[in-house]
Amino acid sequence: MNFSCSVCDNIYDFPKVPIWLCDCGKPLVVHYNWENKVKSIDIIENELSLWRYKSVLPDIQTIISLGEGHTPLIPISNNVYVK
């Protein structure tokens, strides 16, 4: 896995945690090198944040969550929902 700038294409082996910005100030994009690799997606059923998919997220030492993820869709009219 590596990270590249979304604008200038600089490549980094590790993100600039916690900011995840390139030296040029633009956001980094993660690239998984999954070609020719067999990897299962292990879902942690009792975790309700995006960290339930930790097996396929970039490796980081500290997991930070603001309670995001697994939130309901709320109907506000016919065929219109808000998150």
N, C-alpha and C. Protein backbone atom coordinates (compact mmCIF):
# COMPACT_ATOMS: atom_id res chain seq x y z
N MET A 1 0.84 -1.15 0.00
CA MET A 1 0.00 0.00 0.00
C MET A 1 0.90 1.23 0.00
N ASN A 2 0.47 2.24 -0.74
CA ASN A 2 1.16 3.51 -0.69
C ASN A 2 0.14 4.63 -0.84
N PHE A 3 0.61 5.84 -0.73
CA PHE A 3 -0.25 7.01 -0.76
C PHE A 3 0.30 7.97 -1.81
N SER A 4 -0.60 8.56 -2.58
CA SER A 4 -0.15 9.54 -3.58
C SER A 4 -0.97 10.80 -3.45
N CYS A 5 -0.38 11.89 -3.87
CA CYS A 5 -1.07 13.17 -3.84
C CYS A 5 -2.16 13.18 -4.90
N SER A 6 -3.30 13.73 -4.55
CA SER A 6 -4.42 13.79 -5.49
C SER A 6 -4.21 14.84 -6.59
N VAL A 7 -3.15 15.65 -6.47
CA VAL A 7 -2.91 16.70 -7.46
C VAL A 7 -1.54 16.54 -8.13
N CYS A 8 -0.46 16.49 -7.34
CA CYS A 8 0.88 16.51 -7.95
C CYS A 8 1.51 15.12 -8.09
N ASP A 9 0.83 14.06 -7.63
CA ASP A 9 1.26 12.66 -7.78
C ASP A 9 2.52 12.30 -6.99
N ASN A 10 2.94 13.10 -6.00
CA ASN A 10 4.01 12.66 -5.10
C ASN A 10 3.57 11.37 -4.43
N ILE A 11 4.50 10.46 -4.19
CA ILE A 11 4.18 9.16 -3.59
C ILE A 11 4.85 9.05 -2.23
N TYR A 12 4.10 8.52 -1.26
CA TYR A 12 4.58 8.33 0.11
C TYR A 12 4.31 6.88 0.52
N ASP A 13 5.24 6.30 1.27
CA ASP A 13 5.02 4.96 1.81
C ASP A 13 4.06 4.99 2.99
N PHE A 14 4.14 6.05 3.78
CA PHE A 14 3.27 6.21 4.94
C PHE A 14 2.63 7.58 4.88
N PRO A 15 1.36 7.69 5.32
CA PRO A 15 0.72 9.00 5.29
C PRO A 15 1.31 9.91 6.35
N LYS A 16 1.14 11.18 6.15
CA LYS A 16 1.62 12.16 7.11
C LYS A 16 0.55 12.32 8.19
N VAL A 17 0.50 11.35 9.08
CA VAL A 17 -0.52 11.31 10.13
C VAL A 17 -0.28 12.46 11.09
N PRO A 18 -1.27 13.14 11.61
CA PRO A 18 -2.69 12.89 11.38
C PRO A 18 -3.28 13.71 10.25
N ILE A 19 -2.48 14.45 9.52
CA ILE A 19 -3.02 15.40 8.55
C ILE A 19 -3.34 14.75 7.21
N TRP A 20 -2.56 13.83 6.75
CA TRP A 20 -2.76 13.15 5.47
C TRP A 20 -2.76 14.11 4.29
N LEU A 21 -1.88 15.11 4.35
CA LEU A 21 -1.75 16.05 3.24
C LEU A 21 -0.37 15.92 2.63
N CYS A 22 -0.30 16.14 1.33
CA CYS A 22 0.97 16.17 0.61
C CYS A 22 1.74 17.43 0.99
N ASP A 23 3.01 17.46 0.64
CA ASP A 23 3.81 18.66 0.86
C ASP A 23 3.21 19.87 0.14
N CYS A 24 2.46 19.62 -0.94
CA CYS A 24 1.84 20.73 -1.67
C CYS A 24 0.52 21.17 -1.03
N GLY A 25 0.08 20.47 0.03
CA GLY A 25 -1.13 20.86 0.75
C GLY A 25 -2.39 20.16 0.31
N LYS A 26 -2.32 19.31 -0.69
CA LYS A 26 -3.51 18.61 -1.19
C LYS A 26 -3.64 17.24 -0.51
N PRO A 27 -4.86 16.67 -0.49
CA PRO A 27 -5.07 15.39 0.21
C PRO A 27 -4.38 14.21 -0.47
N LEU A 28 -4.00 13.24 0.36
CA LEU A 28 -3.40 12.01 -0.14
C LEU A 28 -4.48 10.97 -0.42
N VAL A 29 -4.23 10.12 -1.40
CA VAL A 29 -5.13 9.04 -1.78
C VAL A 29 -4.42 7.73 -1.50
N VAL A 30 -5.12 6.78 -0.88
CA VAL A 30 -4.51 5.48 -0.58
C VAL A 30 -4.64 4.57 -1.80
N HIS A 31 -3.57 3.82 -2.08
CA HIS A 31 -3.56 2.85 -3.17
C HIS A 31 -3.20 1.49 -2.58
N TYR A 32 -4.12 0.56 -2.68
CA TYR A 32 -3.88 -0.80 -2.21
C TYR A 32 -3.24 -1.59 -3.34
N ASN A 33 -2.23 -2.35 -3.03
CA ASN A 33 -1.56 -3.19 -4.02
C ASN A 33 -2.11 -4.61 -3.92
N TRP A 34 -3.35 -4.77 -4.32
CA TRP A 34 -4.02 -6.05 -4.16
C TRP A 34 -3.94 -6.93 -5.40
N GLU A 35 -3.31 -6.47 -6.43
CA GLU A 35 -3.19 -7.30 -7.61
C GLU A 35 -2.46 -8.59 -7.24
N ASN A 36 -2.97 -9.70 -7.70
CA ASN A 36 -2.38 -11.02 -7.46
C ASN A 36 -2.32 -11.40 -5.99
N LYS A 37 -3.12 -10.77 -5.15
CA LYS A 37 -3.17 -11.13 -3.74
C LYS A 37 -4.59 -11.56 -3.40
N VAL A 38 -4.67 -12.58 -2.58
CA VAL A 38 -5.97 -13.01 -2.09
C VAL A 38 -6.08 -12.50 -0.67
N LYS A 39 -7.07 -11.67 -0.43
CA LYS A 39 -7.26 -11.12 0.91
C LYS A 39 -8.75 -11.09 1.20
N SER A 40 -9.11 -11.65 2.34
CA SER A 40 -10.51 -11.60 2.70
C SER A 40 -10.78 -10.32 3.47
N ILE A 41 -12.02 -9.92 3.44
CA ILE A 41 -12.44 -8.75 4.21
C ILE A 41 -13.09 -9.27 5.48
N ASP A 42 -12.39 -9.07 6.59
CA ASP A 42 -12.92 -9.49 7.89
C ASP A 42 -13.71 -8.33 8.47
N ILE A 43 -15.00 -8.55 8.68
CA ILE A 43 -15.87 -7.51 9.23
C ILE A 43 -16.09 -7.80 10.70
N ILE A 44 -15.82 -6.81 11.55
CA ILE A 44 -16.02 -6.94 12.99
C ILE A 44 -17.48 -6.58 13.26
N GLU A 45 -18.31 -7.59 13.48
CA GLU A 45 -19.76 -7.41 13.56
C GLU A 45 -20.21 -6.47 14.67
N ASN A 46 -19.55 -6.50 15.83
CA ASN A 46 -20.03 -5.68 16.95
C ASN A 46 -19.46 -4.26 16.94
N GLU A 47 -18.67 -3.92 15.94
CA GLU A 47 -18.14 -2.56 15.78
C GLU A 47 -19.06 -1.80 14.84
N LEU A 48 -19.55 -0.64 15.27
CA LEU A 48 -20.52 0.10 14.47
C LEU A 48 -19.93 1.29 13.73
N SER A 49 -18.64 1.47 13.77
CA SER A 49 -18.01 2.56 13.04
C SER A 49 -17.33 2.00 11.79
N LEU A 50 -16.67 2.87 11.03
CA LEU A 50 -15.99 2.38 9.84
C LEU A 50 -14.86 1.43 10.18
N TRP A 51 -14.43 1.40 11.46
CA TRP A 51 -13.35 0.51 11.87
C TRP A 51 -13.77 -0.95 11.87
N ARG A 52 -15.05 -1.23 11.60
CA ARG A 52 -15.48 -2.62 11.44
C ARG A 52 -14.79 -3.24 10.22
N TYR A 53 -14.30 -2.41 9.31
CA TYR A 53 -13.59 -2.86 8.11
C TYR A 53 -12.09 -2.67 8.25
N LYS A 54 -11.59 -2.72 9.48
CA LYS A 54 -10.18 -2.47 9.79
C LYS A 54 -9.24 -3.34 8.97
N SER A 55 -9.66 -4.54 8.60
CA SER A 55 -8.78 -5.45 7.87
C SER A 55 -8.37 -4.92 6.51
N VAL A 56 -9.12 -3.97 5.96
CA VAL A 56 -8.77 -3.42 4.65
C VAL A 56 -8.49 -1.92 4.69
N LEU A 57 -8.40 -1.34 5.88
CA LEU A 57 -8.04 0.07 6.01
C LEU A 57 -6.54 0.20 6.20
N PRO A 58 -6.00 1.38 5.90
CA PRO A 58 -4.56 1.57 6.11
C PRO A 58 -4.20 1.32 7.57
N ASP A 59 -3.02 0.75 7.79
CA ASP A 59 -2.56 0.47 9.15
C ASP A 59 -2.22 1.77 9.85
N ILE A 60 -2.81 1.96 11.01
CA ILE A 60 -2.44 3.09 11.85
C ILE A 60 -2.35 2.60 13.28
N GLN A 61 -1.61 3.31 14.10
CA GLN A 61 -1.38 2.89 15.48
C GLN A 61 -2.55 3.24 16.39
N THR A 62 -3.17 4.38 16.17
CA THR A 62 -4.24 4.83 17.05
C THR A 62 -5.53 4.96 16.25
N ILE A 63 -6.56 4.28 16.72
CA ILE A 63 -7.86 4.37 16.06
C ILE A 63 -8.61 5.55 16.67
N ILE A 64 -9.05 6.45 15.82
CA ILE A 64 -9.79 7.62 16.26
C ILE A 64 -11.18 7.56 15.63
N SER A 65 -12.20 7.79 16.44
CA SER A 65 -13.56 7.79 15.91
C SER A 65 -14.36 8.89 16.58
N LEU A 66 -15.19 9.54 15.81
CA LEU A 66 -16.10 10.56 16.34
C LEU A 66 -17.52 10.03 16.36
N GLY A 67 -17.66 8.70 16.32
CA GLY A 67 -18.99 8.10 16.34
C GLY A 67 -19.63 8.04 14.97
N GLU A 68 -18.84 8.27 13.94
CA GLU A 68 -19.37 8.24 12.58
C GLU A 68 -19.63 6.80 12.13
N GLY A 69 -20.39 6.66 11.13
CA GLY A 69 -20.63 5.34 10.56
C GLY A 69 -21.84 4.65 11.16
N HIS A 70 -22.42 3.76 10.38
CA HIS A 70 -23.55 2.94 10.79
C HIS A 70 -24.72 3.78 11.29
N THR A 71 -24.92 4.95 10.67
CA THR A 71 -26.03 5.82 11.05
C THR A 71 -27.20 5.56 10.11
N PRO A 72 -28.42 5.75 10.61
CA PRO A 72 -29.59 5.40 9.81
C PRO A 72 -29.91 6.43 8.72
N LEU A 73 -30.62 5.97 7.70
CA LEU A 73 -31.23 6.87 6.72
C LEU A 73 -32.60 7.25 7.27
N ILE A 74 -32.92 8.54 7.27
CA ILE A 74 -34.19 9.01 7.82
C ILE A 74 -35.05 9.52 6.67
N PRO A 75 -36.25 8.92 6.49
CA PRO A 75 -37.11 9.39 5.40
C PRO A 75 -37.71 10.76 5.74
N ILE A 76 -37.67 11.69 4.78
CA ILE A 76 -38.28 13.00 5.01
C ILE A 76 -39.45 13.25 4.05
N SER A 77 -39.54 12.47 2.99
CA SER A 77 -40.69 12.51 2.08
C SER A 77 -40.59 11.28 1.19
N ASN A 78 -41.48 11.17 0.23
CA ASN A 78 -41.44 10.02 -0.68
C ASN A 78 -40.10 9.95 -1.40
N ASN A 79 -39.40 8.84 -1.23
CA ASN A 79 -38.13 8.57 -1.91
C ASN A 79 -37.02 9.56 -1.59
N VAL A 80 -37.14 10.33 -0.51
CA VAL A 80 -36.08 11.25 -0.10
C VAL A 80 -35.67 10.90 1.32
N TYR A 81 -34.37 10.63 1.48
CA TYR A 81 -33.83 10.26 2.78
C TYR A 81 -32.65 11.16 3.10
N VAL A 82 -32.43 11.40 4.39
CA VAL A 82 -31.25 12.16 4.81
C VAL A 82 -30.43 11.30 5.74
N LYS A 83 -29.17 11.55 5.78
CA LYS A 83 -28.25 10.80 6.62
C LYS A 83 -27.79 11.71 7.73
